Amino acid sequence: MSDEFYFPQLGRPGFVLVAAMLGALTSALLSDSPSWRTRTIIAITGLSFSIFIGPAVVEWCGITSLQMAGAICYGCGVVGNLIVISFLSWVRQHNIVDMLIDRVTKSAGKEK
């Protein structure tokens, strides 16, 4: 079965974008949050993660199948917001931002 059989009018980037959007929407709809504002943020975060990370994973792994590329981008859209939330929690928990600010201000003081 040819890759071009599926959505030939979209081409590879269009097919991957549709998969990313559907993954992000799935994540937002499965969310426990009753707020549509929160669900919208979840969808945008998942879509952003999927658009940038999904194709990078596909290229890094050397995947040439359109269906596999779509599946990876869909999966990135579903779990993307969870990964971003976990990363931000880790950053807050370990005061990474404060440490970076301290380093930048200390190094700026040494240059003067």
PDB file of N, CA and C in Angstrom:
ATOM      1  N   MET A   1       0.845  -1.178   0.000  1.00  0.00           N
ATOM      2  CA  MET A   1       0.000   0.000   0.000  1.00  0.00           C
ATOM      3  C   MET A   1       0.892   1.244   0.000  1.00  0.00           C
ATOM      4  N   SER A   2       0.641   2.125  -0.912  1.00  0.00           N
ATOM      5  CA  SER A   2       1.465   3.320  -1.071  1.00  0.00           C
ATOM      6  C   SER A   2       1.128   4.376  -0.027  1.00  0.00           C
ATOM      7  N   ASP A   3       2.155   5.134   0.386  1.00  0.00           N
ATOM      8  CA  ASP A   3       1.929   6.239   1.317  1.00  0.00           C
ATOM      9  C   ASP A   3       1.055   7.318   0.687  1.00  0.00           C
ATOM     10  N   GLU A   4       1.119   7.452  -0.610  1.00  0.00           N
ATOM     11  CA  GLU A   4       0.360   8.497  -1.291  1.00  0.00           C
ATOM     12  C   GLU A   4      -1.137   8.185  -1.346  1.00  0.00           C
ATOM     13  N   PHE A   5      -1.528   6.969  -0.982  1.00  0.00           N
ATOM     14  CA  PHE A   5      -2.936   6.604  -0.977  1.00  0.00           C
ATOM     15  C   PHE A   5      -3.706   7.394   0.067  1.00  0.00           C
ATOM     16  N   TYR A   6      -3.051   7.705   1.177  1.00  0.00           N
ATOM     17  CA  TYR A   6      -3.709   8.428   2.255  1.00  0.00           C
ATOM     18  C   TYR A   6      -3.543   9.925   2.059  1.00  0.00           C
ATOM     19  N   PHE A   7      -4.630  10.623   1.873  1.00  0.00           N
ATOM     20  CA  PHE A   7      -4.664  12.077   1.725  1.00  0.00           C
ATOM     21  C   PHE A   7      -3.618  12.587   0.729  1.00  0.00           C
ATOM     22  N   PRO A   8      -3.667  12.149  -0.508  1.00  0.00           N
ATOM     23  CA  PRO A   8      -2.644  12.591  -1.461  1.00  0.00           C
ATOM     24  C   PRO A   8      -2.691  14.096  -1.699  1.00  0.00           C
ATOM     25  N   GLN A   9      -3.856  14.718  -1.527  1.00  0.00           N
ATOM     26  CA  GLN A   9      -3.954  16.155  -1.749  1.00  0.00           C
ATOM     27  C   GLN A   9      -3.258  16.953  -0.640  1.00  0.00           C
ATOM     28  N   LEU A  10      -3.072  16.346   0.534  1.00  0.00           N
ATOM     29  CA  LEU A  10      -2.398  17.045   1.624  1.00  0.00           C
ATOM     30  C   LEU A  10      -0.885  16.945   1.510  1.00  0.00           C
ATOM     31  N   GLY A  11      -0.396  15.822   1.059  1.00  0.00           N
ATOM     32  CA  GLY A  11       1.040  15.591   1.043  1.00  0.00           C
ATOM     33  C   GLY A  11       1.533  15.259   2.442  1.00  0.00           C
ATOM     34  N   ARG A  12       2.815  15.021   2.580  1.00  0.00           N
ATOM     35  CA  ARG A  12       3.380  14.617   3.874  1.00  0.00           C
ATOM     36  C   ARG A  12       3.216  15.690   4.959  1.00  0.00           C
ATOM     37  N   PRO A  13       3.590  16.954   4.713  1.00  0.00           N
ATOM     38  CA  PRO A  13       3.441  17.945   5.790  1.00  0.00           C
ATOM     39  C   PRO A  13       1.995  18.126   6.234  1.00  0.00           C
ATOM     40  N   GLY A  14       1.072  18.095   5.284  1.00  0.00           N
ATOM     41  CA  GLY A  14      -0.342  18.255   5.632  1.00  0.00           C
ATOM     42  C   GLY A  14      -0.875  17.085   6.439  1.00  0.00           C
ATOM     43  N   PHE A  15      -0.480  15.883   6.064  1.00  0.00           N
ATOM     44  CA  PHE A  15      -0.925  14.683   6.782  1.00  0.00           C
ATOM     45  C   PHE A  15      -0.400  14.700   8.214  1.00  0.00           C
ATOM     46  N   VAL A  16       0.866  15.077   8.370  1.00  0.00           N
ATOM     47  CA  VAL A  16       1.469  15.134   9.703  1.00  0.00           C
ATOM     48  C   VAL A  16       0.804  16.223  10.528  1.00  0.00           C
ATOM     49  N   LEU A  17       0.475  17.358   9.922  1.00  0.00           N
ATOM     50  CA  LEU A  17      -0.204  18.437  10.636  1.00  0.00           C
ATOM     51  C   LEU A  17      -1.597  18.008  11.102  1.00  0.00           C
ATOM     52  N   VAL A  18      -2.321  17.305  10.248  1.00  0.00           N
ATOM     53  CA  VAL A  18      -3.645  16.803  10.642  1.00  0.00           C
ATOM     54  C   VAL A  18      -3.512  15.821  11.802  1.00  0.00           C
ATOM     55  N   ALA A  19      -2.529  14.941  11.742  1.00  0.00           N
ATOM     56  CA  ALA A  19      -2.304  13.981  12.832  1.00  0.00           C
ATOM     57  C   ALA A  19      -1.952  14.713  14.123  1.00  0.00           C
ATOM     58  N   ALA A  20      -1.125  15.749  14.032  1.00  0.00           N
ATOM     59  CA  ALA A  20      -0.744  16.529  15.215  1.00  0.00           C
ATOM     60  C   ALA A  20      -1.955  17.224  15.825  1.00  0.00           C
ATOM     61  N   MET A  21      -2.803  17.803  14.968  1.00  0.00           N
ATOM     62  CA  MET A  21      -4.002  18.491  15.475  1.00  0.00           C
ATOM     63  C   MET A  21      -4.958  17.513  16.141  1.00  0.00           C
ATOM     64  N   LEU A  22      -5.148  16.358  15.536  1.00  0.00           N
ATOM     65  CA  LEU A  22      -6.049  15.363  16.123  1.00  0.00           C
ATOM     66  C   LEU A  22      -5.506  14.840  17.451  1.00  0.00           C
ATOM     67  N   GLY A  23      -4.196  14.655  17.561  1.00  0.00           N
ATOM     68  CA  GLY A  23      -3.601  14.230  18.825  1.00  0.00           C
ATOM     69  C   GLY A  23      -3.792  15.266  19.917  1.00  0.00           C
ATOM     70  N   ALA A  24      -3.583  16.531  19.574  1.00  0.00           N
ATOM     71  CA  ALA A  24      -3.763  17.600  20.554  1.00  0.00           C
ATOM     72  C   ALA A  24      -5.225  17.726  20.977  1.00  0.00           C
ATOM     73  N   LEU A  25      -6.133  17.599  20.019  1.00  0.00           N
ATOM     74  CA  LEU A  25      -7.561  17.664  20.362  1.00  0.00           C
ATOM     75  C   LEU A  25      -7.981  16.476  21.215  1.00  0.00           C
ATOM     76  N   THR A  26      -7.455  15.306  20.931  1.00  0.00           N
ATOM     77  CA  THR A  26      -7.753  14.129  21.751  1.00  0.00           C
ATOM     78  C   THR A  26      -7.308  14.362  23.185  1.00  0.00           C
ATOM     79  N   SER A  27      -6.118  14.895  23.348  1.00  0.00           N
ATOM     80  CA  SER A  27      -5.597  15.179  24.680  1.00  0.00           C
ATOM     81  C   SER A  27      -6.484  16.184  25.410  1.00  0.00           C
ATOM     82  N   ALA A  28      -6.915  17.220  24.709  1.00  0.00           N
ATOM     83  CA  ALA A  28      -7.763  18.236  25.328  1.00  0.00           C
ATOM     84  C   ALA A  28      -9.127  17.672  25.706  1.00  0.00           C
ATOM     85  N   LEU A  29      -9.698  16.842  24.847  1.00  0.00           N
ATOM     86  CA  LEU A  29     -11.014  16.277  25.127  1.00  0.00           C
ATOM     87  C   LEU A  29     -10.981  15.238  26.241  1.00  0.00           C
ATOM     88  N   LEU A  30      -9.853  14.553  26.411  1.00  0.00           N
ATOM     89  CA  LEU A  30      -9.725  13.562  27.484  1.00  0.00           C
ATOM     90  C   LEU A  30      -9.307  14.189  28.812  1.00  0.00           C
ATOM     91  N   SER A  31      -9.087  15.478  28.809  1.00  0.00           N
ATOM     92  CA  SER A  31      -8.650  16.170  30.016  1.00  0.00           C
ATOM     93  C   SER A  31      -9.740  16.158  31.084  1.00  0.00           C
ATOM     94  N   ASP A  32      -9.308  16.135  32.350  1.00  0.00           N
ATOM     95  CA  ASP A  32     -10.259  16.174  33.469  1.00  0.00           C
ATOM     96  C   ASP A  32     -10.797  17.571  33.731  1.00  0.00           C
ATOM     97  N   SER A  33     -10.160  18.560  33.151  1.00  0.00           N
ATOM     98  CA  SER A  33     -10.539  19.947  33.415  1.00  0.00           C
ATOM     99  C   SER A  33     -11.898  20.274  32.790  1.00  0.00           C
ATOM    100  N   PRO A  34     -12.797  20.880  33.573  1.00  0.00           N
ATOM    101  CA  PRO A  34     -14.092  21.274  33.019  1.00  0.00           C
ATOM    102  C   PRO A  34     -14.010  22.589  32.239  1.00  0.00           C
ATOM    103  N   SER A  35     -12.923  23.328  32.413  1.00  0.00           N
ATOM    104  CA  SER A  35     -12.776  24.644  31.798  1.00  0.00           C
ATOM    105  C   SER A  35     -12.352  24.528  30.340  1.00  0.00           C
ATOM    106  N   TRP A  36     -13.059  25.224  29.454  1.00  0.00           N
ATOM    107  CA  TRP A  36     -12.691  25.221  28.041  1.00  0.00           C
ATOM    108  C   TRP A  36     -11.418  26.029  27.820  1.00  0.00           C
ATOM    109  N   ARG A  37     -11.157  26.980  28.700  1.00  0.00           N
ATOM    110  CA  ARG A  37      -9.915  27.753  28.610  1.00  0.00           C
ATOM    111  C   ARG A  37      -8.714  26.820  28.826  1.00  0.00           C
ATOM    112  N   THR A  38      -8.803  25.983  29.850  1.00  0.00           N
ATOM    113  CA  THR A  38      -7.721  25.033  30.132  1.00  0.00           C
ATOM    114  C   THR A  38      -7.590  24.017  29.009  1.00  0.00           C
ATOM    115  N   ARG A  39      -8.698  23.553  28.496  1.00  0.00           N
ATOM    116  CA  ARG A  39      -8.659  22.583  27.396  1.00  0.00           C
ATOM    117  C   ARG A  39      -8.038  23.201  26.141  1.00  0.00           C
ATOM    118  N   THR A  40      -8.309  24.477  25.919  1.00  0.00           N
ATOM    119  CA  THR A  40      -7.709  25.170  24.776  1.00  0.00           C
ATOM    120  C   THR A  40      -6.201  25.274  24.945  1.00  0.00           C
ATOM    121  N   ILE A  41      -5.754  25.596  26.153  1.00  0.00           N
ATOM    122  CA  ILE A  41      -4.318  25.680  26.434  1.00  0.00           C
ATOM    123  C   ILE A  41      -3.668  24.308  26.253  1.00  0.00           C
ATOM    124  N   ILE A  42      -4.345  23.258  26.709  1.00  0.00           N
ATOM    125  CA  ILE A  42      -3.829  21.898  26.540  1.00  0.00           C
ATOM    126  C   ILE A  42      -3.694  21.564  25.055  1.00  0.00           C
ATOM    127  N   ALA A  43      -4.699  21.922  24.276  1.00  0.00           N
ATOM    128  CA  ALA A  43      -4.653  21.637  22.838  1.00  0.00           C
ATOM    129  C   ALA A  43      -3.533  22.413  22.157  1.00  0.00           C
ATOM    130  N   ILE A  44      -3.356  23.668  22.514  1.00  0.00           N
ATOM    131  CA  ILE A  44      -2.299  24.479  21.897  1.00  0.00           C
ATOM    132  C   ILE A  44      -0.921  23.953  22.283  1.00  0.00           C
ATOM    133  N   THR A  45      -0.759  23.588  23.560  1.00  0.00           N
ATOM    134  CA  THR A  45       0.524  23.053  24.012  1.00  0.00           C
ATOM    135  C   THR A  45       0.834  21.728  23.311  1.00  0.00           C
ATOM    136  N   GLY A  46      -0.155  20.839  23.238  1.00  0.00           N
ATOM    137  CA  GLY A  46       0.050  19.556  22.566  1.00  0.00           C
ATOM    138  C   GLY A  46       0.350  19.727  21.090  1.00  0.00           C
ATOM    139  N   LEU A  47      -0.344  20.655  20.453  1.00  0.00           N
ATOM    140  CA  LEU A  47      -0.112  20.907  19.033  1.00  0.00           C
ATOM    141  C   LEU A  47       1.286  21.476  18.804  1.00  0.00           C
ATOM    142  N   SER A  48       1.686  22.424  19.624  1.00  0.00           N
ATOM    143  CA  SER A  48       3.023  23.011  19.490  1.00  0.00           C
ATOM    144  C   SER A  48       4.101  21.957  19.678  1.00  0.00           C
ATOM    145  N   PHE A  49       3.935  21.145  20.707  1.00  0.00           N
ATOM    146  CA  PHE A  49       4.907  20.077  20.965  1.00  0.00           C
ATOM    147  C   PHE A  49       4.966  19.118  19.784  1.00  0.00           C
ATOM    148  N   SER A  50       3.810  18.748  19.286  1.00  0.00           N
ATOM    149  CA  SER A  50       3.740  17.777  18.197  1.00  0.00           C
ATOM    150  C   SER A  50       4.307  18.316  16.897  1.00  0.00           C
ATOM    151  N   ILE A  51       4.072  19.577  16.618  1.00  0.00           N
ATOM    152  CA  ILE A  51       4.552  20.161  15.366  1.00  0.00           C
ATOM    153  C   ILE A  51       6.078  20.232  15.338  1.00  0.00           C
ATOM    154  N   PHE A  52       6.689  20.527  16.482  1.00  0.00           N
ATOM    155  CA  PHE A  52       8.140  20.684  16.499  1.00  0.00           C
ATOM    156  C   PHE A  52       8.872  19.387  16.840  1.00  0.00           C
ATOM    157  N   ILE A  53       8.383  18.637  17.813  1.00  0.00           N
ATOM    158  CA  ILE A  53       9.086  17.435  18.268  1.00  0.00           C
ATOM    159  C   ILE A  53       8.783  16.227  17.380  1.00  0.00           C
ATOM    160  N   GLY A  54       7.541  16.083  16.943  1.00  0.00           N
ATOM    161  CA  GLY A  54       7.150  14.934  16.124  1.00  0.00           C
ATOM    162  C   GLY A  54       8.003  14.766  14.871  1.00  0.00           C
ATOM    163  N   PRO A  55       8.096  15.783  14.013  1.00  0.00           N
ATOM    164  CA  PRO A  55       8.938  15.642  12.822  1.00  0.00           C
ATOM    165  C   PRO A  55      10.422  15.431  13.144  1.00  0.00           C
ATOM    166  N   ALA A  56      10.879  16.010  14.247  1.00  0.00           N
ATOM    167  CA  ALA A  56      12.273  15.806  14.647  1.00  0.00           C
ATOM    168  C   ALA A  56      12.520  14.338  14.999  1.00  0.00           C
ATOM    169  N   VAL A  57      11.578  13.734  15.710  1.00  0.00           N
ATOM    170  CA  VAL A  57      11.703  12.310  16.059  1.00  0.00           C
ATOM    171  C   VAL A  57      11.656  11.453  14.794  1.00  0.00           C
ATOM    172  N   VAL A  58      10.748  11.793  13.894  1.00  0.00           N
ATOM    173  CA  VAL A  58      10.626  11.043  12.636  1.00  0.00           C
ATOM    174  C   VAL A  58      11.928  11.120  11.847  1.00  0.00           C
ATOM    175  N   GLU A  59      12.493  12.312  11.735  1.00  0.00           N
ATOM    176  CA  GLU A  59      13.741  12.477  10.987  1.00  0.00           C
ATOM    177  C   GLU A  59      14.906  11.786  11.685  1.00  0.00           C
ATOM    178  N   TRP A  60      14.978  11.921  13.014  1.00  0.00           N
ATOM    179  CA  TRP A  60      16.068  11.333  13.781  1.00  0.00           C
ATOM    180  C   TRP A  60      16.076   9.807  13.656  1.00  0.00           C
ATOM    181  N   CYS A  61      14.871   9.214  13.651  1.00  0.00           N
ATOM    182  CA  CYS A  61      14.765   7.752  13.538  1.00  0.00           C
ATOM    183  C   CYS A  61      14.863   7.267  12.092  1.00  0.00           C
ATOM    184  N   GLY A  62      14.839   8.174  11.142  1.00  0.00           N
ATOM    185  CA  GLY A  62      14.936   7.791   9.739  1.00  0.00           C
ATOM    186  C   GLY A  62      13.682   7.128   9.204  1.00  0.00           C
ATOM    187  N   ILE A  63      12.540   7.511   9.726  1.00  0.00           N
ATOM    188  CA  ILE A  63      11.269   6.901   9.317  1.00  0.00           C
ATOM    189  C   ILE A  63      10.822   7.522   7.993  1.00  0.00           C
ATOM    190  N   THR A  64      10.483   6.686   7.027  1.00  0.00           N
ATOM    191  CA  THR A  64      10.036   7.179   5.729  1.00  0.00           C
ATOM    192  C   THR A  64       8.552   6.925   5.486  1.00  0.00           C
ATOM    193  N   SER A  65       7.924   6.134   6.308  1.00  0.00           N
ATOM    194  CA  SER A  65       6.512   5.813   6.132  1.00  0.00           C
ATOM    195  C   SER A  65       5.637   6.974   6.593  1.00  0.00           C
ATOM    196  N   LEU A  66       4.722   7.367   5.743  1.00  0.00           N
ATOM    197  CA  LEU A  66       3.811   8.461   6.069  1.00  0.00           C
ATOM    198  C   LEU A  66       2.910   8.094   7.247  1.00  0.00           C
ATOM    199  N   GLN A  67       2.458   6.843   7.296  1.00  0.00           N
ATOM    200  CA  GLN A  67       1.585   6.420   8.390  1.00  0.00           C
ATOM    201  C   GLN A  67       2.322   6.448   9.727  1.00  0.00           C
ATOM    202  N   MET A  68       3.579   6.017   9.748  1.00  0.00           N
ATOM    203  CA  MET A  68       4.363   6.044  10.989  1.00  0.00           C
ATOM    204  C   MET A  68       4.646   7.479  11.421  1.00  0.00           C
ATOM    205  N   ALA A  69       4.934   8.344  10.463  1.00  0.00           N
ATOM    206  CA  ALA A  69       5.168   9.752  10.787  1.00  0.00           C
ATOM    207  C   ALA A  69       3.910  10.361  11.399  1.00  0.00           C
ATOM    208  N   GLY A  70       2.763  10.048  10.832  1.00  0.00           N
ATOM    209  CA  GLY A  70       1.505  10.539  11.383  1.00  0.00           C
ATOM    210  C   GLY A  70       1.231   9.989  12.768  1.00  0.00           C
ATOM    211  N   ALA A  71       1.536   8.707  12.969  1.00  0.00           N
ATOM    212  CA  ALA A  71       1.315   8.094  14.281  1.00  0.00           C
ATOM    213  C   ALA A  71       2.207   8.717  15.346  1.00  0.00           C
ATOM    214  N   ILE A  72       3.456   8.982  14.991  1.00  0.00           N
ATOM    215  CA  ILE A  72       4.362   9.609  15.958  1.00  0.00           C
ATOM    216  C   ILE A  72       3.904  11.018  16.284  1.00  0.00           C
ATOM    217  N   CYS A  73       3.499  11.781  15.280  1.00  0.00           N
ATOM    218  CA  CYS A  73       3.015  13.144  15.534  1.00  0.00           C
ATOM    219  C   CYS A  73       1.711  13.136  16.325  1.00  0.00           C
ATOM    220  N   TYR A  74       0.848  12.174  16.057  1.00  0.00           N
ATOM    221  CA  TYR A  74      -0.388  12.037  16.845  1.00  0.00           C
ATOM    222  C   TYR A  74      -0.044  11.748  18.308  1.00  0.00           C
ATOM    223  N   GLY A  75       0.864  10.815  18.520  1.00  0.00           N
ATOM    224  CA  GLY A  75       1.278  10.476  19.887  1.00  0.00           C
ATOM    225  C   GLY A  75       1.919  11.653  20.593  1.00  0.00           C
ATOM    226  N   CYS A  76       2.732  12.413  19.873  1.00  0.00           N
ATOM    227  CA  CYS A  76       3.339  13.615  20.474  1.00  0.00           C
ATOM    228  C   CYS A  76       2.268  14.634  20.843  1.00  0.00           C
ATOM    229  N   GLY A  77       1.229  14.730  20.036  1.00  0.00           N
ATOM    230  CA  GLY A  77       0.138  15.651  20.349  1.00  0.00           C
ATOM    231  C   GLY A  77      -0.629  15.229  21.592  1.00  0.00           C
ATOM    232  N   VAL A  78      -0.796  13.916  21.771  1.00  0.00           N
ATOM    233  CA  VAL A  78      -1.528  13.412  22.934  1.00  0.00           C
ATOM    234  C   VAL A  78      -0.731  13.600  24.223  1.00  0.00           C
ATOM    235  N   VAL A  79       0.550  13.256  24.196  1.00  0.00           N
ATOM    236  CA  VAL A  79       1.348  13.314  25.431  1.00  0.00           C
ATOM    237  C   VAL A  79       2.188  14.575  25.561  1.00  0.00           C
ATOM    238  N   GLY A  80       2.178  15.421  24.537  1.00  0.00           N
ATOM    239  CA  GLY A  80       3.012  16.620  24.560  1.00  0.00           C
ATOM    240  C   GLY A  80       2.747  17.538  25.728  1.00  0.00           C
ATOM    241  N   ASN A  81       1.482  17.789  26.015  1.00  0.00           N
ATOM    242  CA  ASN A  81       1.170  18.692  27.127  1.00  0.00           C
ATOM    243  C   ASN A  81       1.587  18.094  28.464  1.00  0.00           C
ATOM    244  N   LEU A  82       1.508  16.780  28.607  1.00  0.00           N
ATOM    245  CA  LEU A  82       1.943  16.142  29.850  1.00  0.00           C
ATOM    246  C   LEU A  82       3.448  16.286  30.053  1.00  0.00           C
ATOM    247  N   ILE A  83       4.192  16.164  28.973  1.00  0.00           N
ATOM    248  CA  ILE A  83       5.648  16.321  29.057  1.00  0.00           C
ATOM    249  C   ILE A  83       6.005  17.762  29.392  1.00  0.00           C
ATOM    250  N   VAL A  84       5.339  18.714  28.762  1.00  0.00           N
ATOM    251  CA  VAL A  84       5.611  20.128  29.037  1.00  0.00           C
ATOM    252  C   VAL A  84       5.254  20.467  30.482  1.00  0.00           C
ATOM    253  N   ILE A  85       4.109  19.995  30.970  1.00  0.00           N
ATOM    254  CA  ILE A  85       3.703  20.258  32.352  1.00  0.00           C
ATOM    255  C   ILE A  85       4.696  19.640  33.333  1.00  0.00           C
ATOM    256  N   SER A  86       5.134  18.419  33.057  1.00  0.00           N
ATOM    257  CA  SER A  86       6.119  17.762  33.930  1.00  0.00           C
ATOM    258  C   SER A  86       7.433  18.523  33.942  1.00  0.00           C
ATOM    259  N   PHE A  87       7.883  18.976  32.782  1.00  0.00           N
ATOM    260  CA  PHE A  87       9.128  19.735  32.700  1.00  0.00           C
ATOM    261  C   PHE A  87       9.019  21.052  33.468  1.00  0.00           C
ATOM    262  N   LEU A  88       7.914  21.759  33.309  1.00  0.00           N
ATOM    263  CA  LEU A  88       7.739  23.028  34.020  1.00  0.00           C
ATOM    264  C   LEU A  88       7.659  22.814  35.529  1.00  0.00           C
ATOM    265  N   SER A  89       7.027  21.737  35.964  1.00  0.00           N
ATOM    266  CA  SER A  89       6.979  21.419  37.397  1.00  0.00           C
ATOM    267  C   SER A  89       8.377  21.149  37.932  1.00  0.00           C
ATOM    268  N   TRP A  90       9.177  20.423  37.164  1.00  0.00           N
ATOM    269  CA  TRP A  90      10.550  20.139  37.568  1.00  0.00           C
ATOM    270  C   TRP A  90      11.363  21.434  37.668  1.00  0.00           C
ATOM    271  N   VAL A  91      11.189  22.323  36.704  1.00  0.00           N
ATOM    272  CA  VAL A  91      11.901  23.607  36.713  1.00  0.00           C
ATOM    273  C   VAL A  91      11.513  24.416  37.941  1.00  0.00           C
ATOM    274  N   ARG A  92      10.232  24.463  38.242  1.00  0.00           N
ATOM    275  CA  ARG A  92       9.768  25.216  39.427  1.00  0.00           C
ATOM    276  C   ARG A  92      10.260  24.571  40.718  1.00  0.00           C
ATOM    277  N   GLN A  93      10.222  23.269  40.782  1.00  0.00           N
ATOM    278  CA  GLN A  93      10.609  22.553  41.996  1.00  0.00           C
ATOM    279  C   GLN A  93      12.087  22.752  42.320  1.00  0.00           C
ATOM    280  N   HIS A  94      12.923  22.804  41.314  1.00  0.00           N
ATOM    281  CA  HIS A  94      14.359  22.917  41.532  1.00  0.00           C
ATOM    282  C   HIS A  94      14.881  24.348  41.395  1.00  0.00           C
ATOM    283  N   ASN A  95      13.989  25.317  41.288  1.00  0.00           N
ATOM    284  CA  ASN A  95      14.357  26.735  41.186  1.00  0.00           C
ATOM    285  C   ASN A  95      15.389  26.985  40.086  1.00  0.00           C
ATOM    286  N   ILE A  96      15.202  26.356  38.957  1.00  0.00           N
ATOM    287  CA  ILE A  96      16.136  26.486  37.840  1.00  0.00           C
ATOM    288  C   ILE A  96      16.180  27.930  37.342  1.00  0.00           C
ATOM    289  N   VAL A  97      15.035  28.582  37.288  1.00  0.00           N
ATOM    290  CA  VAL A  97      14.990  29.957  36.795  1.00  0.00           C
ATOM    291  C   VAL A  97      15.803  30.875  37.699  1.00  0.00           C
ATOM    292  N   ASP A  98      15.651  30.713  39.007  1.00  0.00           N
ATOM    293  CA  ASP A  98      16.427  31.543  39.940  1.00  0.00           C
ATOM    294  C   ASP A  98      17.920  31.292  39.787  1.00  0.00           C
ATOM    295  N   MET A  99      18.301  30.042  39.602  1.00  0.00           N
ATOM    296  CA  MET A  99      19.716  29.723  39.419  1.00  0.00           C
ATOM    297  C   MET A  99      20.261  30.356  38.140  1.00  0.00           C
ATOM    298  N   LEU A 100      19.489  30.330  37.064  1.00  0.00           N
ATOM    299  CA  LEU A 100      19.921  30.944  35.817  1.00  0.00           C
ATOM    300  C   LEU A 100      20.042  32.460  35.949  1.00  0.00           C
ATOM    301  N   ILE A 101      19.079  33.063  36.632  1.00  0.00           N
ATOM    302  CA  ILE A 101      19.135  34.517  36.840  1.00  0.00           C
ATOM    303  C   ILE A 101      20.357  34.886  37.657  1.00  0.00           C
ATOM    304  N   ASP A 102      20.643  34.124  38.702  1.00  0.00           N
ATOM    305  CA  ASP A 102      21.835  34.386  39.517  1.00  0.00           C
ATOM    306  C   ASP A 102      23.109  34.279  38.681  1.00  0.00           C
ATOM    307  N   ARG A 103      23.202  33.262  37.864  1.00  0.00           N
ATOM    308  CA  ARG A 103      24.404  33.089  37.022  1.00  0.00           C
ATOM    309  C   ARG A 103      24.557  34.217  36.028  1.00  0.00           C
ATOM    310  N   VAL A 104      23.454  34.638  35.423  1.00  0.00           N
ATOM    311  CA  VAL A 104      23.532  35.713  34.431  1.00  0.00           C
ATOM    312  C   VAL A 104      23.923  37.026  35.095  1.00  0.00           C
ATOM    313  N   THR A 105      23.323  37.329  36.250  1.00  0.00           N
ATOM    314  CA  THR A 105      23.653  38.577  36.913  1.00  0.00           C
ATOM    315  C   THR A 105      25.070  38.571  37.459  1.00  0.00           C
ATOM    316  N   LYS A 106      25.558  37.425  37.941  1.00  0.00           N
ATOM    317  CA  LYS A 106      26.935  37.332  38.420  1.00  0.00           C
ATOM    318  C   LYS A 106      27.933  37.488  37.279  1.00  0.00           C
ATOM    319  N   SER A 107      27.639  36.848  36.146  1.00  0.00           N
ATOM    320  CA  SER A 107      28.557  36.960  35.020  1.00  0.00           C
ATOM    321  C   SER A 107      28.510  38.370  34.403  1.00  0.00           C
ATOM    322  N   ALA A 108      27.368  39.030  34.476  1.00  0.00           N
ATOM    323  CA  ALA A 108      27.268  40.403  33.979  1.00  0.00           C
ATOM    324  C   ALA A 108      28.045  41.345  34.878  1.00  0.00           C
ATOM    325  N   GLY A 109      28.079  41.066  36.190  1.00  0.00           N
ATOM    326  CA  GLY A 109      28.825  41.895  37.131  1.00  0.00           C
ATOM    327  C   GLY A 109      30.311  41.748  36.953  1.00  0.00           C
ATOM    328  N   LYS A 110      30.785  40.593  36.523  1.00  0.00           N
ATOM    329  CA  LYS A 110      32.223  40.351  36.329  1.00  0.00           C
ATOM    330  C   LYS A 110      32.759  41.070  35.103  1.00  0.00           C
ATOM    331  N   GLU A 111      31.891  41.299  34.106  1.00  0.00           N
ATOM    332  CA  GLU A 111      32.323  41.936  32.869  1.00  0.00           C
ATOM    333  C   GLU A 111      32.599  43.421  33.037  1.00  0.00           C
ATOM    334  N   LYS A 112      32.023  44.035  34.038  1.00  0.00           N
ATOM    335  CA  LYS A 112      32.173  45.490  34.213  1.00  0.00           C
ATOM    336  C   LYS A 112      33.503  45.879  34.742  1.00  0.00           C
TER     337      LYS A 112
END
